[in-house]
Amino acid sequence: MPKSKIKLNAGFTLLETVIALAIVVILVGLYPFLNIDELISRNFESNISSAVTSIIRARSESINNIGNSPHGFKIIPGSYIIFEGQDYVSRNLSKDKVIPQGSNDLVFSGIDEIVFSQLSGDSTASDSFTITRGTKMATIHINYEGRIDW
């Protein structure tokens, strides 16, 4: 039976190790830049979800007749407001619920206020508003019966 020779210098050279390490460092360094679009997309979706949830909450509080008053939703720079009252101007300030938007570069167009009737949850208007951030855009529709589509 032939004896096998044991190779004493088996393994990677210093140059091979340095090259492999350099490739790993480059890939790890590029990872945040490769995923920035995903991060922006999730942040935008989170803002849409926050707006829709706030609208649903305002309608729910109207249907449940909380405070024996209609409730509404208002968009102001940097925040969404759920308010109690016939409209934003004549609302009960102590009942305001302020929800931060989470991003200051959102652009809104369309209606900025909607009020839901107590007990029925019907809305005062059938309209929509659009939220835009860069190239991303979402439209939220609200009809007279209070249905919310996005």
C-alpha atoms as a PDB file:
ATOM      1  CA  MET A   1       0.000   0.000   0.000  1.00  0.00           C
ATOM      2  CA  PRO A   2       1.462   3.363  -0.984  1.00  0.00           C
ATOM      3  CA  LYS A   3       1.863   5.923   1.736  1.00  0.00           C
ATOM      4  CA  SER A   4       0.243   9.299   1.130  1.00  0.00           C
ATOM      5  CA  LYS A   5       2.316  12.352   1.574  1.00  0.00           C
ATOM      6  CA  ILE A   6       1.108  14.962   4.022  1.00  0.00           C
ATOM      7  CA  LYS A   7       1.321  18.435   2.590  1.00  0.00           C
ATOM      8  CA  LEU A   8       2.659  20.773   5.249  1.00  0.00           C
ATOM      9  CA  ASN A   9       2.007  24.009   3.372  1.00  0.00           C
ATOM     10  CA  ALA A  10      -1.722  23.375   2.752  1.00  0.00           C
ATOM     11  CA  GLY A  11      -4.064  26.371   3.221  1.00  0.00           C
ATOM     12  CA  PHE A  12      -4.581  29.840   1.828  1.00  0.00           C
ATOM     13  CA  THR A  13      -1.833  32.284   1.099  1.00  0.00           C
ATOM     14  CA  LEU A  14      -1.835  35.712   2.634  1.00  0.00           C
ATOM     15  CA  LEU A  15      -2.713  37.248  -0.739  1.00  0.00           C
ATOM     16  CA  GLU A  16      -5.757  34.982  -1.198  1.00  0.00           C
ATOM     17  CA  THR A  17      -6.984  35.816   2.297  1.00  0.00           C
ATOM     18  CA  VAL A  18      -6.600  39.568   1.752  1.00  0.00           C
ATOM     19  CA  ILE A  19      -8.466  39.411  -1.577  1.00  0.00           C
ATOM     20  CA  ALA A  20     -11.339  37.417  -0.051  1.00  0.00           C
ATOM     21  CA  LEU A  21     -11.559  39.835   2.880  1.00  0.00           C
ATOM     22  CA  ALA A  22     -11.555  42.838   0.515  1.00  0.00           C
ATOM     23  CA  ILE A  23     -14.477  41.364  -1.476  1.00  0.00           C
ATOM     24  CA  VAL A  24     -16.477  40.787   1.717  1.00  0.00           C
ATOM     25  CA  VAL A  25     -15.801  44.351   2.935  1.00  0.00           C
ATOM     26  CA  ILE A  26     -16.899  45.815  -0.408  1.00  0.00           C
ATOM     27  CA  LEU A  27     -20.137  43.791  -0.435  1.00  0.00           C
ATOM     28  CA  VAL A  28     -20.954  44.713   3.163  1.00  0.00           C
ATOM     29  CA  GLY A  29     -20.204  48.373   2.417  1.00  0.00           C
ATOM     30  CA  LEU A  30     -22.523  48.423  -0.603  1.00  0.00           C
ATOM     31  CA  TYR A  31     -25.416  46.649   1.120  1.00  0.00           C
ATOM     32  CA  PRO A  32     -27.078  49.782   2.601  1.00  0.00           C
ATOM     33  CA  PHE A  33     -26.975  51.542  -0.761  1.00  0.00           C
ATOM     34  CA  LEU A  34     -28.424  48.557  -2.564  1.00  0.00           C
ATOM     35  CA  ASN A  35     -31.339  48.388  -0.096  1.00  0.00           C
ATOM     36  CA  ILE A  36     -32.144  52.116   0.182  1.00  0.00           C
ATOM     37  CA  ASP A  37     -35.106  51.808  -2.238  1.00  0.00           C
ATOM     38  CA  GLU A  38     -36.597  49.065  -0.080  1.00  0.00           C
ATOM     39  CA  LEU A  39     -36.242  51.257   3.002  1.00  0.00           C
ATOM     40  CA  ILE A  40     -37.890  54.238   1.293  1.00  0.00           C
ATOM     41  CA  SER A  41     -40.713  52.028   0.020  1.00  0.00           C
ATOM     42  CA  ARG A  42     -41.427  50.604   3.477  1.00  0.00           C
ATOM     43  CA  ASN A  43     -41.385  54.070   5.042  1.00  0.00           C
ATOM     44  CA  PHE A  44     -43.868  55.322   2.435  1.00  0.00           C
ATOM     45  CA  GLU A  45     -46.145  52.303   2.948  1.00  0.00           C
ATOM     46  CA  SER A  46     -46.006  52.906   6.701  1.00  0.00           C
ATOM     47  CA  ASN A  47     -47.186  56.499   6.202  1.00  0.00           C
ATOM     48  CA  ILE A  48     -50.088  55.330   4.006  1.00  0.00           C
ATOM     49  CA  SER A  49     -51.045  52.738   6.601  1.00  0.00           C
ATOM     50  CA  SER A  50     -50.931  55.357   9.360  1.00  0.00           C
ATOM     51  CA  ALA A  51     -53.240  57.689   7.394  1.00  0.00           C
ATOM     52  CA  VAL A  52     -55.748  54.927   6.594  1.00  0.00           C
ATOM     53  CA  THR A  53     -55.729  53.661  10.185  1.00  0.00           C
ATOM     54  CA  SER A  54     -56.397  57.199  11.434  1.00  0.00           C
ATOM     55  CA  ILE A  55     -59.328  57.614   9.041  1.00  0.00           C
ATOM     56  CA  ILE A  56     -60.766  54.260  10.114  1.00  0.00           C
ATOM     57  CA  ARG A  57     -60.398  55.253  13.769  1.00  0.00           C
ATOM     58  CA  ALA A  58     -62.206  58.562  13.217  1.00  0.00           C
ATOM     59  CA  ARG A  59     -65.070  56.744  11.463  1.00  0.00           C
ATOM     60  CA  SER A  60     -65.217  54.097  14.199  1.00  0.00           C
ATOM     61  CA  GLU A  61     -65.441  56.744  16.933  1.00  0.00           C
ATOM     62  CA  SER A  62     -68.313  58.380  15.026  1.00  0.00           C
ATOM     63  CA  ILE A  63     -70.186  55.106  14.593  1.00  0.00           C
ATOM     64  CA  ASN A  64     -69.744  54.328  18.295  1.00  0.00           C
ATOM     65  CA  ASN A  65     -71.017  57.840  19.114  1.00  0.00           C
ATOM     66  CA  ILE A  66     -68.072  58.590  21.382  1.00  0.00           C
ATOM     67  CA  GLY A  67     -68.644  61.982  22.994  1.00  0.00           C
ATOM     68  CA  ASN A  68     -72.091  62.188  21.341  1.00  0.00           C
ATOM     69  CA  SER A  69     -70.406  63.946  18.460  1.00  0.00           C
ATOM     70  CA  PRO A  70     -69.184  63.334  14.909  1.00  0.00           C
ATOM     71  CA  HIS A  71     -65.468  62.720  14.427  1.00  0.00           C
ATOM     72  CA  GLY A  72     -63.131  63.667  11.641  1.00  0.00           C
ATOM     73  CA  PHE A  73     -59.679  63.357  10.155  1.00  0.00           C
ATOM     74  CA  LYS A  74     -57.433  66.301   9.203  1.00  0.00           C
ATOM     75  CA  ILE A  75     -54.047  66.453   7.510  1.00  0.00           C
ATOM     76  CA  ILE A  76     -51.694  69.177   8.739  1.00  0.00           C
ATOM     77  CA  PRO A  77     -47.968  69.464   7.959  1.00  0.00           C
ATOM     78  CA  GLY A  78     -46.164  66.703   9.850  1.00  0.00           C
ATOM     79  CA  SER A  79     -49.268  65.158  11.473  1.00  0.00           C
ATOM     80  CA  TYR A  80     -52.645  63.551  11.071  1.00  0.00           C
ATOM     81  CA  ILE A  81     -55.332  64.752  13.500  1.00  0.00           C
ATOM     82  CA  ILE A  82     -58.369  62.771  14.643  1.00  0.00           C
ATOM     83  CA  PHE A  83     -60.791  65.322  16.053  1.00  0.00           C
ATOM     84  CA  GLU A  84     -64.218  65.463  17.664  1.00  0.00           C
ATOM     85  CA  GLY A  85     -66.708  67.987  16.274  1.00  0.00           C
ATOM     86  CA  GLN A  86     -68.643  69.139  13.211  1.00  0.00           C
ATOM     87  CA  ASP A  87     -65.441  70.353  11.534  1.00  0.00           C
ATOM     88  CA  TYR A  88     -61.778  70.995  12.321  1.00  0.00           C
ATOM     89  CA  VAL A  89     -62.256  74.717  13.067  1.00  0.00           C
ATOM     90  CA  SER A  90     -65.036  74.220  15.646  1.00  0.00           C
ATOM     91  CA  ARG A  91     -63.668  70.983  17.138  1.00  0.00           C
ATOM     92  CA  ASN A  92     -63.173  70.149  20.808  1.00  0.00           C
ATOM     93  CA  LEU A  93     -59.403  70.815  21.117  1.00  0.00           C
ATOM     94  CA  SER A  94     -59.041  68.695  24.261  1.00  0.00           C
ATOM     95  CA  LYS A  95     -60.145  65.574  22.327  1.00  0.00           C
ATOM     96  CA  ASP A  96     -57.586  65.853  19.500  1.00  0.00           C
ATOM     97  CA  LYS A  97     -55.460  62.791  18.802  1.00  0.00           C
ATOM     98  CA  VAL A  98     -52.250  63.739  16.976  1.00  0.00           C
ATOM     99  CA  ILE A  99     -50.510  61.061  14.909  1.00  0.00           C
ATOM    100  CA  PRO A 100     -47.048  61.996  13.540  1.00  0.00           C
ATOM    101  CA  GLN A 101     -46.550  61.342   9.833  1.00  0.00           C
ATOM    102  CA  GLY A 102     -43.059  59.930  10.255  1.00  0.00           C
ATOM    103  CA  SER A 103     -41.684  61.702   7.183  1.00  0.00           C
ATOM    104  CA  ASN A 104     -41.465  65.409   6.407  1.00  0.00           C
ATOM    105  CA  ASP A 105     -41.116  65.042   2.633  1.00  0.00           C
ATOM    106  CA  LEU A 106     -44.667  63.841   1.942  1.00  0.00           C
ATOM    107  CA  VAL A 107     -46.793  65.903  -0.453  1.00  0.00           C
ATOM    108  CA  PHE A 108     -50.594  65.870  -0.087  1.00  0.00           C
ATOM    109  CA  SER A 109     -53.183  66.883  -2.660  1.00  0.00           C
ATOM    110  CA  GLY A 110     -56.963  66.696  -2.678  1.00  0.00           C
ATOM    111  CA  ILE A 111     -59.091  66.998   0.454  1.00  0.00           C
ATOM    112  CA  ASP A 112     -57.356  67.606   3.764  1.00  0.00           C
ATOM    113  CA  GLU A 113     -60.351  67.070   6.071  1.00  0.00           C
ATOM    114  CA  ILE A 114     -63.178  64.556   6.292  1.00  0.00           C
ATOM    115  CA  VAL A 115     -65.919  64.291   8.947  1.00  0.00           C
ATOM    116  CA  PHE A 116     -68.026  61.202   9.695  1.00  0.00           C
ATOM    117  CA  SER A 117     -71.602  61.387  10.989  1.00  0.00           C
ATOM    118  CA  GLN A 118     -72.275  59.967  14.414  1.00  0.00           C
ATOM    119  CA  LEU A 119     -73.939  56.527  14.511  1.00  0.00           C
ATOM    120  CA  SER A 120     -74.013  56.042  10.718  1.00  0.00           C
ATOM    121  CA  GLY A 121     -70.373  56.776   9.886  1.00  0.00           C
ATOM    122  CA  ASP A 122     -71.400  58.486   6.641  1.00  0.00           C
ATOM    123  CA  SER A 123     -68.859  60.995   5.389  1.00  0.00           C
ATOM    124  CA  THR A 124     -69.506  64.645   4.639  1.00  0.00           C
ATOM    125  CA  ALA A 125     -67.933  64.296   1.204  1.00  0.00           C
ATOM    126  CA  SER A 126     -67.096  61.684  -1.388  1.00  0.00           C
ATOM    127  CA  ASP A 127     -63.573  62.559  -2.391  1.00  0.00           C
ATOM    128  CA  SER A 128     -59.983  61.432  -2.283  1.00  0.00           C
ATOM    129  CA  PHE A 129     -56.535  62.631  -1.418  1.00  0.00           C
ATOM    130  CA  THR A 130     -53.173  61.677  -2.794  1.00  0.00           C
ATOM    131  CA  ILE A 131     -49.939  61.200  -0.883  1.00  0.00           C
ATOM    132  CA  THR A 132     -46.739  61.516  -2.885  1.00  0.00           C
ATOM    133  CA  ARG A 133     -43.104  60.991  -1.957  1.00  0.00           C
ATOM    134  CA  GLY A 134     -40.636  61.232  -4.818  1.00  0.00           C
ATOM    135  CA  THR A 135     -41.863  58.845  -7.504  1.00  0.00           C
ATOM    136  CA  LYS A 136     -44.180  56.920  -5.161  1.00  0.00           C
ATOM    137  CA  MET A 137     -47.852  57.857  -5.028  1.00  0.00           C
ATOM    138  CA  ALA A 138     -50.957  56.501  -3.273  1.00  0.00           C
ATOM    139  CA  THR A 139     -54.560  57.658  -3.442  1.00  0.00           C
ATOM    140  CA  ILE A 140     -57.073  57.139  -0.644  1.00  0.00           C
ATOM    141  CA  HIS A 141     -60.758  57.327  -1.668  1.00  0.00           C
ATOM    142  CA  ILE A 142     -63.629  57.924   0.767  1.00  0.00           C
ATOM    143  CA  ASN A 143     -67.242  57.727  -0.421  1.00  0.00           C
ATOM    144  CA  TYR A 144     -70.447  59.138   1.128  1.00  0.00           C
ATOM    145  CA  GLU A 145     -71.135  55.901   2.992  1.00  0.00           C
ATOM    146  CA  GLY A 146     -67.722  56.153   4.650  1.00  0.00           C
ATOM    147  CA  ARG A 147     -66.071  53.384   2.630  1.00  0.00           C
ATOM    148  CA  ILE A 148     -62.300  53.817   2.512  1.00  0.00           C
ATOM    149  CA  ASP A 149     -60.334  52.434  -0.456  1.00  0.00           C
ATOM    150  CA  TRP A 150     -56.585  52.697  -1.009  1.00  0.00           C
END
